[in-house]
């Protein structure tokens, strides 16, 4: 399992990192310059953490999901 997150103010980062510590997994910001495809290939489950803006998912998170949708469809 891995958790990826977007955090505009730091609150979602705090929750994602606490969850990662508790589960003993990696946590990565979607803004990191890393190969998420390689990370997603190694895990069975992808957890996602993000803030809600005006009852909507933020644009940056929607774009991330579109980019990696093929991984998200086949993982738990």
PDB file of N, CA and C in Angstrom:
ATOM      1  N   UNK A   1       0.842  -1.175   0.000  1.00  0.00           N
ATOM      2  CA  UNK A   1       0.000   0.000   0.000  1.00  0.00           C
ATOM      3  C   UNK A   1       0.888   1.240   0.000  1.00  0.00           C
ATOM      4  N   UNK A   2       0.380   2.274  -0.658  1.00  0.00           N
ATOM      5  CA  UNK A   2       1.024   3.583  -0.660  1.00  0.00           C
ATOM      6  C   UNK A   2      -0.096   4.616  -0.544  1.00  0.00           C
ATOM      7  N   UNK A   3       0.200   5.757   0.049  1.00  0.00           N
ATOM      8  CA  UNK A   3      -0.756   6.851   0.080  1.00  0.00           C
ATOM      9  C   UNK A   3      -0.179   8.035  -0.677  1.00  0.00           C
ATOM     10  N   UNK A   4      -0.990   8.600  -1.559  1.00  0.00           N
ATOM     11  CA  UNK A   4      -0.612   9.814  -2.282  1.00  0.00           C
ATOM     12  C   UNK A   4      -1.578  10.910  -1.846  1.00  0.00           C
ATOM     13  N   UNK A   5      -1.066  12.125  -1.785  1.00  0.00           N
ATOM     14  CA  UNK A   5      -1.905  13.193  -1.271  1.00  0.00           C
ATOM     15  C   UNK A   5      -1.612  14.513  -1.962  1.00  0.00           C
ATOM     16  N   UNK A   6      -2.605  15.390  -1.899  1.00  0.00           N
ATOM     17  CA  UNK A   6      -2.423  16.790  -2.238  1.00  0.00           C
ATOM     18  C   UNK A   6      -2.852  17.575  -1.024  1.00  0.00           C
ATOM     19  N   UNK A   7      -2.053  18.580  -0.670  1.00  0.00           N
ATOM     20  CA  UNK A   7      -2.357  19.378   0.508  1.00  0.00           C
ATOM     21  C   UNK A   7      -2.045  20.838   0.224  1.00  0.00           C
ATOM     22  N   UNK A   8      -3.080  21.628   0.113  1.00  0.00           N
ATOM     23  CA  UNK A   8      -2.883  23.053  -0.138  1.00  0.00           C
ATOM     24  C   UNK A   8      -2.414  23.814   1.086  1.00  0.00           C
ATOM     25  N   UNK A   9      -2.895  23.405   2.267  1.00  0.00           N
ATOM     26  CA  UNK A   9      -2.579  24.134   3.500  1.00  0.00           C
ATOM     27  C   UNK A   9      -1.767  23.321   4.495  1.00  0.00           C
ATOM     28  N   UNK A  10      -1.576  22.045   4.242  1.00  0.00           N
ATOM     29  CA  UNK A  10      -0.820  21.193   5.151  1.00  0.00           C
ATOM     30  C   UNK A  10      -1.681  20.231   5.948  1.00  0.00           C
ATOM     31  N   UNK A  11      -2.989  20.445   5.978  1.00  0.00           N
ATOM     32  CA  UNK A  11      -3.856  19.559   6.756  1.00  0.00           C
ATOM     33  C   UNK A  11      -3.918  18.147   6.183  1.00  0.00           C
ATOM     34  N   UNK A  12      -4.083  18.034   4.870  1.00  0.00           N
ATOM     35  CA  UNK A  12      -4.139  16.710   4.242  1.00  0.00           C
ATOM     36  C   UNK A  12      -2.781  16.008   4.324  1.00  0.00           C
ATOM     37  N   UNK A  13      -1.712  16.773   4.238  1.00  0.00           N
ATOM     38  CA  UNK A  13      -0.370  16.203   4.396  1.00  0.00           C
ATOM     39  C   UNK A  13      -0.221  15.604   5.790  1.00  0.00           C
ATOM     40  N   UNK A  14      -0.677  16.316   6.793  1.00  0.00           N
ATOM     41  CA  UNK A  14      -0.604  15.836   8.169  1.00  0.00           C
ATOM     42  C   UNK A  14      -1.351  14.505   8.316  1.00  0.00           C
ATOM     43  N   UNK A  15      -2.570  14.449   7.798  1.00  0.00           N
ATOM     44  CA  UNK A  15      -3.373  13.228   7.901  1.00  0.00           C
ATOM     45  C   UNK A  15      -2.721  12.083   7.125  1.00  0.00           C
ATOM     46  N   UNK A  16      -2.255  12.354   5.910  1.00  0.00           N
ATOM     47  CA  UNK A  16      -1.627  11.317   5.089  1.00  0.00           C
ATOM     48  C   UNK A  16      -0.376  10.761   5.761  1.00  0.00           C
ATOM     49  N   UNK A  17       0.439  11.631   6.322  1.00  0.00           N
ATOM     50  CA  UNK A  17       1.666  11.171   6.972  1.00  0.00           C
ATOM     51  C   UNK A  17       1.378  10.407   8.259  1.00  0.00           C
ATOM     52  N   UNK A  18       0.375  10.815   9.018  1.00  0.00           N
ATOM     53  CA  UNK A  18      -0.018  10.067  10.221  1.00  0.00           C
ATOM     54  C   UNK A  18      -0.521   8.680   9.839  1.00  0.00           C
ATOM     55  N   UNK A  19      -1.335   8.616   8.796  1.00  0.00           N
ATOM     56  CA  UNK A  19      -1.842   7.338   8.306  1.00  0.00           C
ATOM     57  C   UNK A  19      -0.688   6.451   7.848  1.00  0.00           C
ATOM     58  N   UNK A  20       0.248   7.030   7.087  1.00  0.00           N
ATOM     59  CA  UNK A  20       1.401   6.277   6.587  1.00  0.00           C
ATOM     60  C   UNK A  20       2.249   5.738   7.739  1.00  0.00           C
ATOM     61  N   UNK A  21       2.464   6.566   8.748  1.00  0.00           N
ATOM     62  CA  UNK A  21       3.227   6.107   9.918  1.00  0.00           C
ATOM     63  C   UNK A  21       2.529   4.937  10.601  1.00  0.00           C
ATOM     64  N   UNK A  22       1.241   5.082  10.794  1.00  0.00           N
ATOM     65  CA  UNK A  22       0.470   4.032  11.472  1.00  0.00           C
ATOM     66  C   UNK A  22       0.476   2.732  10.676  1.00  0.00           C
ATOM     67  N   UNK A  23       0.377   2.844   9.350  1.00  0.00           N
ATOM     68  CA  UNK A  23       0.321   1.663   8.487  1.00  0.00           C
ATOM     69  C   UNK A  23       1.705   1.178   8.051  1.00  0.00           C
ATOM     70  N   UNK A  24       2.742   1.943   8.383  1.00  0.00           N
ATOM     71  CA  UNK A  24       4.122   1.635   7.997  1.00  0.00           C
ATOM     72  C   UNK A  24       4.252   1.525   6.470  1.00  0.00           C
ATOM     73  N   UNK A  25       3.788   2.575   5.798  1.00  0.00           N
ATOM     74  CA  UNK A  25       3.840   2.648   4.342  1.00  0.00           C
ATOM     75  C   UNK A  25       4.444   3.984   3.929  1.00  0.00           C
ATOM     76  N   UNK A  26       4.670   4.145   2.628  1.00  0.00           N
ATOM     77  CA  UNK A  26       5.177   5.405   2.098  1.00  0.00           C
ATOM     78  C   UNK A  26       4.032   6.374   1.850  1.00  0.00           C
ATOM     79  N   UNK A  27       4.327   7.665   2.008  1.00  0.00           N
ATOM     80  CA  UNK A  27       3.393   8.728   1.655  1.00  0.00           C
ATOM     81  C   UNK A  27       4.105   9.654   0.682  1.00  0.00           C
ATOM     82  N   UNK A  28       3.399  10.036  -0.396  1.00  0.00           N
ATOM     83  CA  UNK A  28       3.995  10.915  -1.403  1.00  0.00           C
ATOM     84  C   UNK A  28       3.006  11.997  -1.805  1.00  0.00           C
ATOM     85  N   UNK A  29       3.492  13.224  -1.872  1.00  0.00           N
ATOM     86  CA  UNK A  29       2.704  14.319  -2.411  1.00  0.00           C
ATOM     87  C   UNK A  29       2.611  14.147  -3.922  1.00  0.00           C
ATOM     88  N   UNK A  30       1.448  14.428  -4.489  1.00  0.00           N
ATOM     89  CA  UNK A  30       1.310  14.310  -5.941  1.00  0.00           C
ATOM     90  C   UNK A  30       2.119  15.384  -6.656  1.00  0.00           C
ATOM     91  N   UNK A  31       2.628  16.340  -5.910  1.00  0.00           N
ATOM     92  CA  UNK A  31       3.458  17.395  -6.493  1.00  0.00           C
ATOM     93  C   UNK A  31       4.941  17.024  -6.551  1.00  0.00           C
ATOM     94  N   UNK A  32       5.313  15.865  -5.991  1.00  0.00           N
ATOM     95  CA  UNK A  32       6.702  15.424  -6.054  1.00  0.00           C
ATOM     96  C   UNK A  32       7.059  15.078  -7.500  1.00  0.00           C
ATOM     97  N   UNK A  33       8.313  15.279  -7.840  1.00  0.00           N
ATOM     98  CA  UNK A  33       8.807  14.949  -9.167  1.00  0.00           C
ATOM     99  C   UNK A  33       9.390  13.535  -9.137  1.00  0.00           C
ATOM    100  N   UNK A  34       8.486  12.547  -9.088  1.00  0.00           N
ATOM    101  CA  UNK A  34       8.897  11.143  -9.033  1.00  0.00           C
ATOM    102  C   UNK A  34       8.067  10.354 -10.038  1.00  0.00           C
ATOM    103  N   UNK A  35       8.478   9.128 -10.294  1.00  0.00           N
ATOM    104  CA  UNK A  35       7.760   8.249 -11.216  1.00  0.00           C
ATOM    105  C   UNK A  35       6.688   7.485 -10.439  1.00  0.00           C
ATOM    106  N   UNK A  36       5.481   8.018 -10.425  1.00  0.00           N
ATOM    107  CA  UNK A  36       4.396   7.367  -9.702  1.00  0.00           C
ATOM    108  C   UNK A  36       4.041   6.023 -10.321  1.00  0.00           C
ATOM    109  N   UNK A  37       4.247   5.865 -11.613  1.00  0.00           N
ATOM    110  CA  UNK A  37       3.985   4.586 -12.256  1.00  0.00           C
ATOM    111  C   UNK A  37       4.785   3.462 -11.626  1.00  0.00           C
ATOM    112  N   UNK A  38       6.057   3.713 -11.362  1.00  0.00           N
ATOM    113  CA  UNK A  38       6.909   2.696 -10.721  1.00  0.00           C
ATOM    114  C   UNK A  38       6.421   2.384  -9.313  1.00  0.00           C
ATOM    115  N   UNK A  39       6.033   3.421  -8.588  1.00  0.00           N
ATOM    116  CA  UNK A  39       5.533   3.220  -7.227  1.00  0.00           C
ATOM    117  C   UNK A  39       4.240   2.411  -7.262  1.00  0.00           C
ATOM    118  N   UNK A  40       3.324   2.779  -8.155  1.00  0.00           N
ATOM    119  CA  UNK A  40       2.040   2.094  -8.228  1.00  0.00           C
ATOM    120  C   UNK A  40       2.177   0.654  -8.689  1.00  0.00           C
ATOM    121  N   UNK A  41       3.176   0.362  -9.515  1.00  0.00           N
ATOM    122  CA  UNK A  41       3.416  -1.012  -9.959  1.00  0.00           C
ATOM    123  C   UNK A  41       3.798  -1.929  -8.801  1.00  0.00           C
ATOM    124  N   UNK A  42       4.402  -1.388  -7.759  1.00  0.00           N
ATOM    125  CA  UNK A  42       4.921  -2.187  -6.650  1.00  0.00           C
ATOM    126  C   UNK A  42       3.884  -2.510  -5.577  1.00  0.00           C
ATOM    127  N   UNK A  43       2.727  -1.860  -5.611  1.00  0.00           N
ATOM    128  CA  UNK A  43       1.763  -2.008  -4.519  1.00  0.00           C
ATOM    129  C   UNK A  43       0.431  -2.557  -5.019  1.00  0.00           C
ATOM    130  N   UNK A  44      -0.335  -3.121  -4.083  1.00  0.00           N
ATOM    131  CA  UNK A  44      -1.667  -3.628  -4.409  1.00  0.00           C
ATOM    132  C   UNK A  44      -2.755  -2.599  -4.136  1.00  0.00           C
ATOM    133  N   UNK A  45      -2.489  -1.685  -3.215  1.00  0.00           N
ATOM    134  CA  UNK A  45      -3.498  -0.725  -2.791  1.00  0.00           C
ATOM    135  C   UNK A  45      -2.934   0.686  -2.836  1.00  0.00           C
ATOM    136  N   UNK A  46      -3.734   1.608  -3.371  1.00  0.00           N
ATOM    137  CA  UNK A  46      -3.365   3.021  -3.420  1.00  0.00           C
ATOM    138  C   UNK A  46      -4.403   3.802  -2.618  1.00  0.00           C
ATOM    139  N   UNK A  47      -3.958   4.451  -1.560  1.00  0.00           N
ATOM    140  CA  UNK A  47      -4.833   5.325  -0.770  1.00  0.00           C
ATOM    141  C   UNK A  47      -4.609   6.756  -1.249  1.00  0.00           C
ATOM    142  N   UNK A  48      -5.669   7.552  -1.219  1.00  0.00           N
ATOM    143  CA  UNK A  48      -5.610   8.927  -1.705  1.00  0.00           C
ATOM    144  C   UNK A  48      -6.173   9.856  -0.643  1.00  0.00           C
ATOM    145  N   UNK A  49      -5.490  10.981  -0.433  1.00  0.00           N
ATOM    146  CA  UNK A  49      -5.924  11.966   0.560  1.00  0.00           C
ATOM    147  C   UNK A  49      -5.854  13.354  -0.073  1.00  0.00           C
ATOM    148  N   UNK A  50      -6.941  14.114   0.061  1.00  0.00           N
ATOM    149  CA  UNK A  50      -6.973  15.453  -0.526  1.00  0.00           C
ATOM    150  C   UNK A  50      -8.068  16.276   0.140  1.00  0.00           C
ATOM    151  N   UNK A  51      -7.942  17.592   0.077  1.00  0.00           N
ATOM    152  CA  UNK A  51      -8.977  18.463   0.632  1.00  0.00           C
ATOM    153  C   UNK A  51     -10.148  18.602  -0.343  1.00  0.00           C
ATOM    154  N   UNK A  52     -11.273  18.986   0.192  1.00  0.00           N
ATOM    155  CA  UNK A  52     -12.457  19.269  -0.618  1.00  0.00           C
ATOM    156  C   UNK A  52     -12.628  20.778  -0.679  1.00  0.00           C
ATOM    157  N   UNK A  53     -12.718  21.308  -1.883  1.00  0.00           N
ATOM    158  CA  UNK A  53     -12.900  22.748  -2.083  1.00  0.00           C
ATOM    159  C   UNK A  53     -14.290  22.992  -2.649  1.00  0.00           C
ATOM    160  N   UNK A  54     -15.144  23.617  -1.884  1.00  0.00           N
ATOM    161  CA  UNK A  54     -16.489  23.927  -2.372  1.00  0.00           C
ATOM    162  C   UNK A  54     -17.238  22.694  -2.837  1.00  0.00           C
ATOM    163  N   UNK A  55     -17.144  21.608  -2.085  1.00  0.00           N
ATOM    164  CA  UNK A  55     -17.789  20.326  -2.396  1.00  0.00           C
ATOM    165  C   UNK A  55     -17.221  19.662  -3.647  1.00  0.00           C
ATOM    166  N   UNK A  56     -16.022  20.047  -4.085  1.00  0.00           N
ATOM    167  CA  UNK A  56     -15.410  19.481  -5.288  1.00  0.00           C
ATOM    168  C   UNK A  56     -13.972  19.028  -5.002  1.00  0.00           C
ATOM    169  N   UNK A  57     -13.530  18.114  -5.822  1.00  0.00           N
ATOM    170  CA  UNK A  57     -12.128  17.696  -5.804  1.00  0.00           C
ATOM    171  C   UNK A  57     -11.329  18.773  -6.528  1.00  0.00           C
ATOM    172  N   UNK A  58     -10.175  19.125  -5.978  1.00  0.00           N
ATOM    173  CA  UNK A  58      -9.362  20.181  -6.593  1.00  0.00           C
ATOM    174  C   UNK A  58      -8.883  19.774  -7.990  1.00  0.00           C
ATOM    175  N   UNK A  59      -8.643  20.772  -8.811  1.00  0.00           N
ATOM    176  CA  UNK A  59      -8.199  20.543 -10.184  1.00  0.00           C
ATOM    177  C   UNK A  59      -6.902  19.746 -10.232  1.00  0.00           C
ATOM    178  N   UNK A  60      -5.963  20.056  -9.369  1.00  0.00           N
ATOM    179  CA  UNK A  60      -4.672  19.347  -9.387  1.00  0.00           C
ATOM    180  C   UNK A  60      -4.857  17.854  -9.103  1.00  0.00           C
ATOM    181  N   UNK A  61      -5.780  17.503  -8.202  1.00  0.00           N
ATOM    182  CA  UNK A  61      -6.034  16.092  -7.912  1.00  0.00           C
ATOM    183  C   UNK A  61      -6.774  15.434  -9.072  1.00  0.00           C
ATOM    184  N   UNK A  62      -7.714  16.124  -9.688  1.00  0.00           N
ATOM    185  CA  UNK A  62      -8.420  15.559 -10.842  1.00  0.00           C
ATOM    186  C   UNK A  62      -7.452  15.282 -11.990  1.00  0.00           C
ATOM    187  N   UNK A  63      -6.499  16.184 -12.214  1.00  0.00           N
ATOM    188  CA  UNK A  63      -5.514  15.979 -13.279  1.00  0.00           C
ATOM    189  C   UNK A  63      -4.589  14.804 -12.956  1.00  0.00           C
ATOM    190  N   UNK A  64      -4.214  14.660 -11.689  1.00  0.00           N
ATOM    191  CA  UNK A  64      -3.384  13.532 -11.279  1.00  0.00           C
ATOM    192  C   UNK A  64      -4.125  12.220 -11.533  1.00  0.00           C
ATOM    193  N   UNK A  65      -5.384  12.161 -11.149  1.00  0.00           N
ATOM    194  CA  UNK A  65      -6.179  10.946 -11.348  1.00  0.00           C
ATOM    195  C   UNK A  65      -6.300  10.625 -12.835  1.00  0.00           C
ATOM    196  N   UNK A  66      -6.547  11.618 -13.662  1.00  0.00           N
ATOM    197  CA  UNK A  66      -6.637  11.387 -15.115  1.00  0.00           C
ATOM    198  C   UNK A  66      -5.334  10.798 -15.654  1.00  0.00           C
ATOM    199  N   UNK A  67      -4.214  11.305 -15.166  1.00  0.00           N
ATOM    200  CA  UNK A  67      -2.911  10.845 -15.641  1.00  0.00           C
ATOM    201  C   UNK A  67      -2.637   9.391 -15.250  1.00  0.00           C
ATOM    202  N   UNK A  68      -3.090   8.995 -14.069  1.00  0.00           N
ATOM    203  CA  UNK A  68      -2.783   7.653 -13.556  1.00  0.00           C
ATOM    204  C   UNK A  68      -4.023   6.772 -13.424  1.00  0.00           C
ATOM    205  N   UNK A  69      -5.078   7.075 -14.174  1.00  0.00           N
ATOM    206  CA  UNK A  69      -6.339   6.368 -14.048  1.00  0.00           C
ATOM    207  C   UNK A  69      -6.187   4.865 -14.298  1.00  0.00           C
ATOM    208  N   UNK A  70      -5.316   4.465 -15.213  1.00  0.00           N
ATOM    209  CA  UNK A  70      -5.164   3.033 -15.502  1.00  0.00           C
ATOM    210  C   UNK A  70      -4.634   2.281 -14.283  1.00  0.00           C
ATOM    211  N   UNK A  71      -3.813   2.896 -13.447  1.00  0.00           N
ATOM    212  CA  UNK A  71      -3.351   2.248 -12.222  1.00  0.00           C
ATOM    213  C   UNK A  71      -4.476   2.219 -11.184  1.00  0.00           C
ATOM    214  N   UNK A  72      -5.199   3.300 -11.075  1.00  0.00           N
ATOM    215  CA  UNK A  72      -6.239   3.411 -10.058  1.00  0.00           C
ATOM    216  C   UNK A  72      -7.411   2.472 -10.322  1.00  0.00           C
ATOM    217  N   UNK A  73      -7.662   2.160 -11.559  1.00  0.00           N
ATOM    218  CA  UNK A  73      -8.771   1.252 -11.899  1.00  0.00           C
ATOM    219  C   UNK A  73      -8.489  -0.189 -11.493  1.00  0.00           C
ATOM    220  N   UNK A  74      -7.227  -0.590 -11.512  1.00  0.00           N
ATOM    221  CA  UNK A  74      -6.907  -2.001 -11.250  1.00  0.00           C
ATOM    222  C   UNK A  74      -6.438  -2.264  -9.820  1.00  0.00           C
ATOM    223  N   UNK A  75      -6.232  -1.218  -9.050  1.00  0.00           N
ATOM    224  CA  UNK A  75      -5.785  -1.363  -7.665  1.00  0.00           C
ATOM    225  C   UNK A  75      -6.978  -1.250  -6.733  1.00  0.00           C
ATOM    226  N   UNK A  76      -6.779  -1.722  -5.506  1.00  0.00           N
ATOM    227  CA  UNK A  76      -7.853  -1.644  -4.498  1.00  0.00           C
ATOM    228  C   UNK A  76      -8.081  -0.219  -4.063  1.00  0.00           C
TER     229      UNK A  76
END
